[in-house]
Amino acid sequence: LLKLETPSLTEYRYDPDKDGQVLLSKTTVNTIIDDWGNTVAMLTGVQDGAGTTVSSVGTINFYGNEASSTLDANTKAWYQEKGRLTESIVTLTRPGQTNVVRKSGFEYCLASETSCLPNGVGSHQAKLK
């Protein structure tokens, strides 16, 4: 079950040289969280003082539940419960420009696992794919 975290965050920036009467920009952040409090999605939009969209950044996070995941159902549920981020996709959009997309993946090793870390020492640390 996903929930829209409300209220969304809205920040207004005004020109201090104009006695705070001229709006420079408006930034709005909307967040979707899951039952465990993990941020599943976030959309940040920036508008100029005239209300024109300047940029937006969309983030989608996965906690073992991405379509390509090979984890079994119990492990996926455990990753979600513990907030173990396994994949994050961030898209920057600006009018008139090509979208910029970045994708990061994460793996976790348990103390008993030594094969997934480069130095062969088990730990509870994540490594970036």
N, C-alpha and C. Protein backbone atom coordinates (compact mmCIF):
# COMPACT_ATOMS: atom_id res chain seq x y z
N LEU A 1 0.84 -1.19 0.00
CA LEU A 1 0.00 0.00 0.00
C LEU A 1 0.88 1.24 0.00
N LEU A 2 0.62 2.15 -0.91
CA LEU A 2 1.39 3.39 -0.99
C LEU A 2 0.54 4.56 -0.53
N LYS A 3 1.19 5.52 0.09
CA LYS A 3 0.47 6.68 0.60
C LYS A 3 1.16 7.95 0.11
N LEU A 4 0.37 8.93 -0.26
CA LEU A 4 0.92 10.24 -0.57
C LEU A 4 1.16 10.95 0.74
N GLU A 5 2.42 11.30 0.96
CA GLU A 5 2.77 12.01 2.19
C GLU A 5 2.26 13.43 2.07
N THR A 6 1.35 13.82 2.93
CA THR A 6 0.79 15.15 2.87
C THR A 6 1.05 15.87 4.18
N PRO A 7 1.14 17.13 4.21
CA PRO A 7 1.10 17.98 3.03
C PRO A 7 2.42 17.92 2.28
N SER A 8 2.37 18.30 1.02
CA SER A 8 3.60 18.40 0.26
C SER A 8 4.37 19.62 0.77
N LEU A 9 5.63 19.64 0.48
CA LEU A 9 6.47 20.75 0.91
C LEU A 9 6.51 21.78 -0.20
N THR A 10 6.27 23.03 0.14
CA THR A 10 6.35 24.11 -0.83
C THR A 10 7.21 25.22 -0.24
N GLU A 11 8.19 25.64 -1.04
CA GLU A 11 9.09 26.71 -0.62
C GLU A 11 8.98 27.86 -1.61
N TYR A 12 8.83 29.05 -1.10
CA TYR A 12 8.78 30.25 -1.93
C TYR A 12 10.03 31.07 -1.67
N ARG A 13 10.69 31.53 -2.73
CA ARG A 13 11.86 32.40 -2.60
C ARG A 13 11.51 33.76 -3.17
N TYR A 14 11.73 34.78 -2.34
CA TYR A 14 11.42 36.15 -2.75
C TYR A 14 12.70 36.96 -2.85
N ASP A 15 12.66 38.01 -3.64
CA ASP A 15 13.81 38.89 -3.83
C ASP A 15 13.95 39.81 -2.62
N PRO A 16 15.05 39.67 -1.85
CA PRO A 16 15.21 40.52 -0.67
C PRO A 16 15.44 41.99 -1.01
N ASP A 17 15.93 42.25 -2.23
CA ASP A 17 16.16 43.64 -2.64
C ASP A 17 14.86 44.35 -3.01
N LYS A 18 13.78 43.60 -3.14
CA LYS A 18 12.47 44.19 -3.48
C LYS A 18 11.53 44.08 -2.28
N ASP A 19 12.10 44.16 -1.07
CA ASP A 19 11.34 44.06 0.18
C ASP A 19 10.52 42.79 0.26
N GLY A 20 11.01 41.73 -0.36
CA GLY A 20 10.32 40.45 -0.29
C GLY A 20 9.00 40.42 -1.02
N GLN A 21 8.77 41.37 -1.94
CA GLN A 21 7.49 41.45 -2.64
C GLN A 21 7.52 40.77 -4.01
N VAL A 22 8.71 40.42 -4.51
CA VAL A 22 8.82 39.83 -5.84
C VAL A 22 9.21 38.36 -5.69
N LEU A 23 8.34 37.49 -6.19
CA LEU A 23 8.59 36.05 -6.12
C LEU A 23 9.66 35.67 -7.14
N LEU A 24 10.73 35.01 -6.66
CA LEU A 24 11.79 34.54 -7.55
C LEU A 24 11.51 33.12 -8.04
N SER A 25 11.10 32.25 -7.11
CA SER A 25 10.83 30.87 -7.50
C SER A 25 9.95 30.18 -6.47
N LYS A 26 9.36 29.08 -6.92
CA LYS A 26 8.53 28.24 -6.07
C LYS A 26 8.97 26.80 -6.29
N THR A 27 9.30 26.11 -5.21
CA THR A 27 9.70 24.72 -5.27
C THR A 27 8.69 23.88 -4.52
N THR A 28 8.20 22.84 -5.17
CA THR A 28 7.21 21.95 -4.55
C THR A 28 7.77 20.53 -4.55
N VAL A 29 7.64 19.85 -3.42
CA VAL A 29 8.11 18.47 -3.28
C VAL A 29 6.93 17.61 -2.85
N ASN A 30 6.63 16.58 -3.65
CA ASN A 30 5.60 15.60 -3.31
C ASN A 30 6.29 14.25 -3.11
N THR A 31 5.92 13.54 -2.05
CA THR A 31 6.56 12.29 -1.70
C THR A 31 5.53 11.19 -1.54
N ILE A 32 5.85 10.00 -2.04
CA ILE A 32 5.02 8.82 -1.82
C ILE A 32 5.83 7.85 -0.97
N ILE A 33 5.24 7.38 0.12
CA ILE A 33 5.91 6.45 1.01
C ILE A 33 5.14 5.14 1.07
N ASP A 34 5.84 4.07 1.47
CA ASP A 34 5.17 2.78 1.63
C ASP A 34 4.82 2.56 3.11
N ASP A 35 4.28 1.39 3.41
CA ASP A 35 3.85 1.11 4.78
C ASP A 35 4.98 1.11 5.79
N TRP A 36 6.22 0.97 5.33
CA TRP A 36 7.37 0.94 6.24
C TRP A 36 8.03 2.30 6.35
N GLY A 37 7.49 3.31 5.69
CA GLY A 37 8.05 4.66 5.76
C GLY A 37 9.15 4.92 4.75
N ASN A 38 9.35 4.00 3.81
CA ASN A 38 10.36 4.20 2.77
C ASN A 38 9.84 5.16 1.71
N THR A 39 10.71 6.05 1.25
CA THR A 39 10.35 6.94 0.16
C THR A 39 10.37 6.14 -1.14
N VAL A 40 9.20 5.92 -1.73
CA VAL A 40 9.07 5.14 -2.96
C VAL A 40 9.23 6.06 -4.16
N ALA A 41 8.68 7.24 -4.07
CA ALA A 41 8.77 8.19 -5.18
C ALA A 41 8.77 9.61 -4.62
N MET A 42 9.46 10.48 -5.35
CA MET A 42 9.50 11.88 -4.96
C MET A 42 9.54 12.71 -6.24
N LEU A 43 8.74 13.75 -6.29
CA LEU A 43 8.74 14.66 -7.43
C LEU A 43 8.98 16.07 -6.90
N THR A 44 10.03 16.68 -7.40
CA THR A 44 10.38 18.05 -7.02
C THR A 44 10.24 18.93 -8.25
N GLY A 45 9.42 19.94 -8.17
CA GLY A 45 9.22 20.85 -9.29
C GLY A 45 9.63 22.27 -8.91
N VAL A 46 10.28 22.95 -9.85
CA VAL A 46 10.70 24.34 -9.61
C VAL A 46 10.06 25.21 -10.69
N GLN A 47 9.41 26.28 -10.25
CA GLN A 47 8.82 27.26 -11.15
C GLN A 47 9.48 28.60 -10.90
N ASP A 48 9.59 29.41 -11.96
CA ASP A 48 10.10 30.77 -11.78
C ASP A 48 8.99 31.64 -11.22
N GLY A 49 9.29 32.90 -11.02
CA GLY A 49 8.32 33.82 -10.43
C GLY A 49 7.06 34.01 -11.24
N ALA A 50 7.12 33.72 -12.55
CA ALA A 50 5.95 33.85 -13.42
C ALA A 50 5.11 32.57 -13.45
N GLY A 51 5.58 31.53 -12.77
CA GLY A 51 4.82 30.27 -12.74
C GLY A 51 5.20 29.29 -13.83
N THR A 52 6.26 29.59 -14.58
CA THR A 52 6.74 28.70 -15.64
C THR A 52 7.65 27.64 -15.03
N THR A 53 7.42 26.39 -15.40
CA THR A 53 8.26 25.31 -14.88
C THR A 53 9.67 25.44 -15.41
N VAL A 54 10.63 25.47 -14.51
CA VAL A 54 12.04 25.59 -14.84
C VAL A 54 12.69 24.21 -14.89
N SER A 55 12.33 23.36 -13.92
CA SER A 55 12.87 22.02 -13.88
C SER A 55 12.02 21.15 -12.98
N SER A 56 12.18 19.85 -13.17
CA SER A 56 11.58 18.89 -12.25
C SER A 56 12.52 17.70 -12.12
N VAL A 57 12.52 17.13 -10.93
CA VAL A 57 13.33 15.96 -10.66
C VAL A 57 12.41 14.89 -10.09
N GLY A 58 12.35 13.75 -10.76
CA GLY A 58 11.55 12.63 -10.29
C GLY A 58 12.47 11.52 -9.83
N THR A 59 12.18 10.95 -8.67
CA THR A 59 12.98 9.86 -8.12
C THR A 59 12.07 8.68 -7.82
N ILE A 60 12.48 7.51 -8.27
CA ILE A 60 11.75 6.28 -7.96
C ILE A 60 12.74 5.35 -7.25
N ASN A 61 12.36 4.86 -6.08
CA ASN A 61 13.21 3.98 -5.29
C ASN A 61 12.57 2.60 -5.17
N PHE A 62 13.42 1.60 -5.20
CA PHE A 62 12.98 0.21 -5.04
C PHE A 62 13.70 -0.41 -3.86
N TYR A 63 12.99 -1.25 -3.15
CA TYR A 63 13.52 -1.91 -1.96
C TYR A 63 13.39 -3.42 -2.16
N GLY A 64 14.06 -3.93 -3.20
CA GLY A 64 13.98 -5.36 -3.52
C GLY A 64 12.77 -5.71 -4.35
N ASN A 65 11.95 -4.72 -4.71
CA ASN A 65 10.69 -5.00 -5.41
C ASN A 65 10.70 -4.54 -6.86
N GLU A 66 11.88 -4.24 -7.43
CA GLU A 66 11.93 -3.87 -8.85
C GLU A 66 11.65 -5.11 -9.69
N ALA A 67 11.18 -4.89 -10.90
CA ALA A 67 10.76 -5.99 -11.78
C ALA A 67 11.90 -6.98 -12.05
N SER A 68 13.13 -6.50 -12.10
CA SER A 68 14.27 -7.37 -12.40
C SER A 68 14.82 -8.10 -11.18
N SER A 69 14.23 -7.89 -10.02
CA SER A 69 14.75 -8.49 -8.79
C SER A 69 14.66 -10.01 -8.83
N THR A 70 15.72 -10.65 -8.36
CA THR A 70 15.74 -12.11 -8.27
C THR A 70 15.54 -12.57 -6.84
N LEU A 71 15.22 -11.65 -5.94
CA LEU A 71 15.00 -12.01 -4.54
C LEU A 71 13.68 -12.75 -4.38
N ASP A 72 13.64 -13.69 -3.44
CA ASP A 72 12.37 -14.38 -3.17
C ASP A 72 11.44 -13.45 -2.40
N ALA A 73 10.17 -13.81 -2.34
CA ALA A 73 9.14 -12.94 -1.75
C ALA A 73 9.46 -12.56 -0.30
N ASN A 74 9.95 -13.51 0.50
CA ASN A 74 10.26 -13.21 1.90
C ASN A 74 11.40 -12.22 2.02
N THR A 75 12.42 -12.38 1.18
CA THR A 75 13.56 -11.46 1.22
C THR A 75 13.14 -10.07 0.75
N LYS A 76 12.30 -10.00 -0.29
CA LYS A 76 11.80 -8.71 -0.76
C LYS A 76 11.07 -7.98 0.37
N ALA A 77 10.21 -8.71 1.07
CA ALA A 77 9.45 -8.11 2.17
C ALA A 77 10.40 -7.64 3.28
N TRP A 78 11.44 -8.43 3.56
CA TRP A 78 12.41 -8.07 4.59
C TRP A 78 13.17 -6.80 4.18
N TYR A 79 13.58 -6.72 2.90
CA TYR A 79 14.27 -5.52 2.41
C TYR A 79 13.39 -4.29 2.56
N GLN A 80 12.11 -4.43 2.22
CA GLN A 80 11.20 -3.30 2.34
C GLN A 80 11.05 -2.89 3.81
N GLU A 81 10.86 -3.87 4.67
CA GLU A 81 10.67 -3.59 6.09
C GLU A 81 11.90 -2.90 6.69
N LYS A 82 13.07 -3.31 6.28
CA LYS A 82 14.31 -2.75 6.82
C LYS A 82 14.78 -1.51 6.07
N GLY A 83 14.10 -1.15 4.97
CA GLY A 83 14.46 0.04 4.21
C GLY A 83 15.75 -0.14 3.41
N ARG A 84 15.99 -1.35 2.94
CA ARG A 84 17.21 -1.64 2.18
C ARG A 84 16.98 -1.25 0.72
N LEU A 85 17.49 -0.12 0.34
CA LEU A 85 17.35 0.41 -1.02
C LEU A 85 18.16 -0.46 -1.98
N THR A 86 17.52 -0.95 -3.04
CA THR A 86 18.22 -1.80 -4.01
C THR A 86 18.39 -1.11 -5.37
N GLU A 87 17.52 -0.16 -5.67
CA GLU A 87 17.63 0.54 -6.94
C GLU A 87 16.99 1.91 -6.81
N SER A 88 17.60 2.91 -7.46
CA SER A 88 17.06 4.25 -7.48
C SER A 88 17.24 4.83 -8.88
N ILE A 89 16.17 5.41 -9.40
CA ILE A 89 16.20 6.02 -10.73
C ILE A 89 15.79 7.48 -10.56
N VAL A 90 16.66 8.38 -11.03
CA VAL A 90 16.42 9.81 -10.90
C VAL A 90 16.38 10.42 -12.30
N THR A 91 15.33 11.19 -12.58
CA THR A 91 15.19 11.83 -13.89
C THR A 91 15.07 13.34 -13.71
N LEU A 92 15.97 14.08 -14.35
CA LEU A 92 15.93 15.54 -14.36
C LEU A 92 15.31 15.98 -15.68
N THR A 93 14.28 16.82 -15.59
CA THR A 93 13.59 17.32 -16.78
C THR A 93 13.65 18.85 -16.77
N ARG A 94 14.05 19.41 -17.92
CA ARG A 94 14.05 20.86 -18.11
C ARG A 94 13.43 21.14 -19.48
N PRO A 95 12.55 22.13 -19.56
CA PRO A 95 11.92 22.44 -20.84
C PRO A 95 12.95 22.71 -21.94
N GLY A 96 12.74 22.10 -23.08
CA GLY A 96 13.61 22.32 -24.23
C GLY A 96 14.93 21.57 -24.18
N GLN A 97 15.13 20.73 -23.17
CA GLN A 97 16.38 19.98 -23.05
C GLN A 97 16.07 18.49 -22.96
N THR A 98 17.06 17.69 -23.27
CA THR A 98 16.93 16.24 -23.15
C THR A 98 16.92 15.86 -21.67
N ASN A 99 16.04 14.95 -21.32
CA ASN A 99 16.00 14.48 -19.93
C ASN A 99 17.31 13.80 -19.57
N VAL A 100 17.72 13.95 -18.32
CA VAL A 100 18.90 13.29 -17.81
C VAL A 100 18.42 12.23 -16.82
N VAL A 101 18.79 10.97 -17.08
CA VAL A 101 18.35 9.86 -16.24
C VAL A 101 19.58 9.20 -15.63
N ARG A 102 19.54 8.98 -14.33
CA ARG A 102 20.60 8.27 -13.62
C ARG A 102 19.97 7.11 -12.86
N LYS A 103 20.63 5.96 -12.94
CA LYS A 103 20.13 4.76 -12.28
C LYS A 103 21.26 4.18 -11.44
N SER A 104 20.98 3.90 -10.17
CA SER A 104 21.96 3.31 -9.27
C SER A 104 21.37 2.05 -8.66
N GLY A 105 22.20 1.05 -8.46
CA GLY A 105 21.78 -0.18 -7.82
C GLY A 105 22.64 -0.47 -6.62
N PHE A 106 22.08 -1.17 -5.65
CA PHE A 106 22.78 -1.46 -4.41
C PHE A 106 22.62 -2.93 -4.06
N GLU A 107 23.68 -3.51 -3.53
CA GLU A 107 23.65 -4.89 -3.04
C GLU A 107 24.05 -4.86 -1.58
N TYR A 108 23.58 -5.83 -0.82
CA TYR A 108 23.90 -5.90 0.60
C TYR A 108 24.50 -7.25 0.92
N CYS A 109 25.46 -7.25 1.82
CA CYS A 109 26.10 -8.47 2.27
C CYS A 109 25.78 -8.67 3.75
N LEU A 110 25.47 -9.89 4.11
CA LEU A 110 25.30 -10.23 5.51
C LEU A 110 26.66 -10.57 6.09
N ALA A 111 26.79 -10.53 7.40
CA ALA A 111 28.07 -10.80 8.05
C ALA A 111 28.64 -12.15 7.64
N SER A 112 27.77 -13.11 7.36
CA SER A 112 28.23 -14.45 7.01
C SER A 112 28.65 -14.59 5.55
N GLU A 113 28.36 -13.58 4.73
CA GLU A 113 28.69 -13.63 3.31
C GLU A 113 30.00 -12.88 3.06
N THR A 114 30.95 -13.55 2.45
CA THR A 114 32.23 -12.89 2.16
C THR A 114 32.46 -12.75 0.67
N SER A 115 31.63 -13.39 -0.15
CA SER A 115 31.89 -13.40 -1.58
C SER A 115 31.46 -12.13 -2.31
N CYS A 116 30.64 -11.31 -1.70
CA CYS A 116 30.12 -10.17 -2.44
C CYS A 116 30.91 -8.88 -2.21
N LEU A 117 31.91 -8.91 -1.36
CA LEU A 117 32.74 -7.73 -1.16
C LEU A 117 34.10 -7.94 -1.79
N PRO A 118 34.69 -6.90 -2.37
CA PRO A 118 35.97 -7.04 -3.08
C PRO A 118 37.09 -7.58 -2.20
N ASN A 119 37.12 -7.19 -0.93
CA ASN A 119 38.22 -7.64 -0.08
C ASN A 119 37.91 -8.95 0.65
N GLY A 120 36.74 -9.53 0.40
CA GLY A 120 36.39 -10.81 0.98
C GLY A 120 36.00 -10.77 2.44
N VAL A 121 35.82 -9.59 3.00
CA VAL A 121 35.44 -9.47 4.40
C VAL A 121 33.96 -9.17 4.48
N GLY A 122 33.21 -9.99 5.19
CA GLY A 122 31.77 -9.78 5.32
C GLY A 122 31.46 -8.57 6.18
N SER A 123 30.39 -7.89 5.88
CA SER A 123 29.95 -6.74 6.68
C SER A 123 28.50 -6.47 6.35
N HIS A 124 27.91 -5.54 7.04
CA HIS A 124 26.53 -5.13 6.77
C HIS A 124 26.50 -3.86 5.94
N GLN A 125 27.50 -3.65 5.13
CA GLN A 125 27.58 -2.45 4.31
C GLN A 125 27.00 -2.71 2.93
N ALA A 126 26.58 -1.65 2.32
CA ALA A 126 26.08 -1.74 0.95
C ALA A 126 27.22 -1.43 -0.01
N LYS A 127 27.13 -1.95 -1.19
CA LYS A 127 28.09 -1.55 -2.22
C LYS A 127 27.29 -1.09 -3.43
N LEU A 128 27.82 -0.11 -4.10
CA LEU A 128 27.19 0.47 -5.27
C LEU A 128 27.47 -0.39 -6.48
N LYS A 129 26.42 -0.72 -7.25
CA LYS A 129 26.61 -1.49 -8.48
C LYS A 129 27.08 -0.59 -9.58
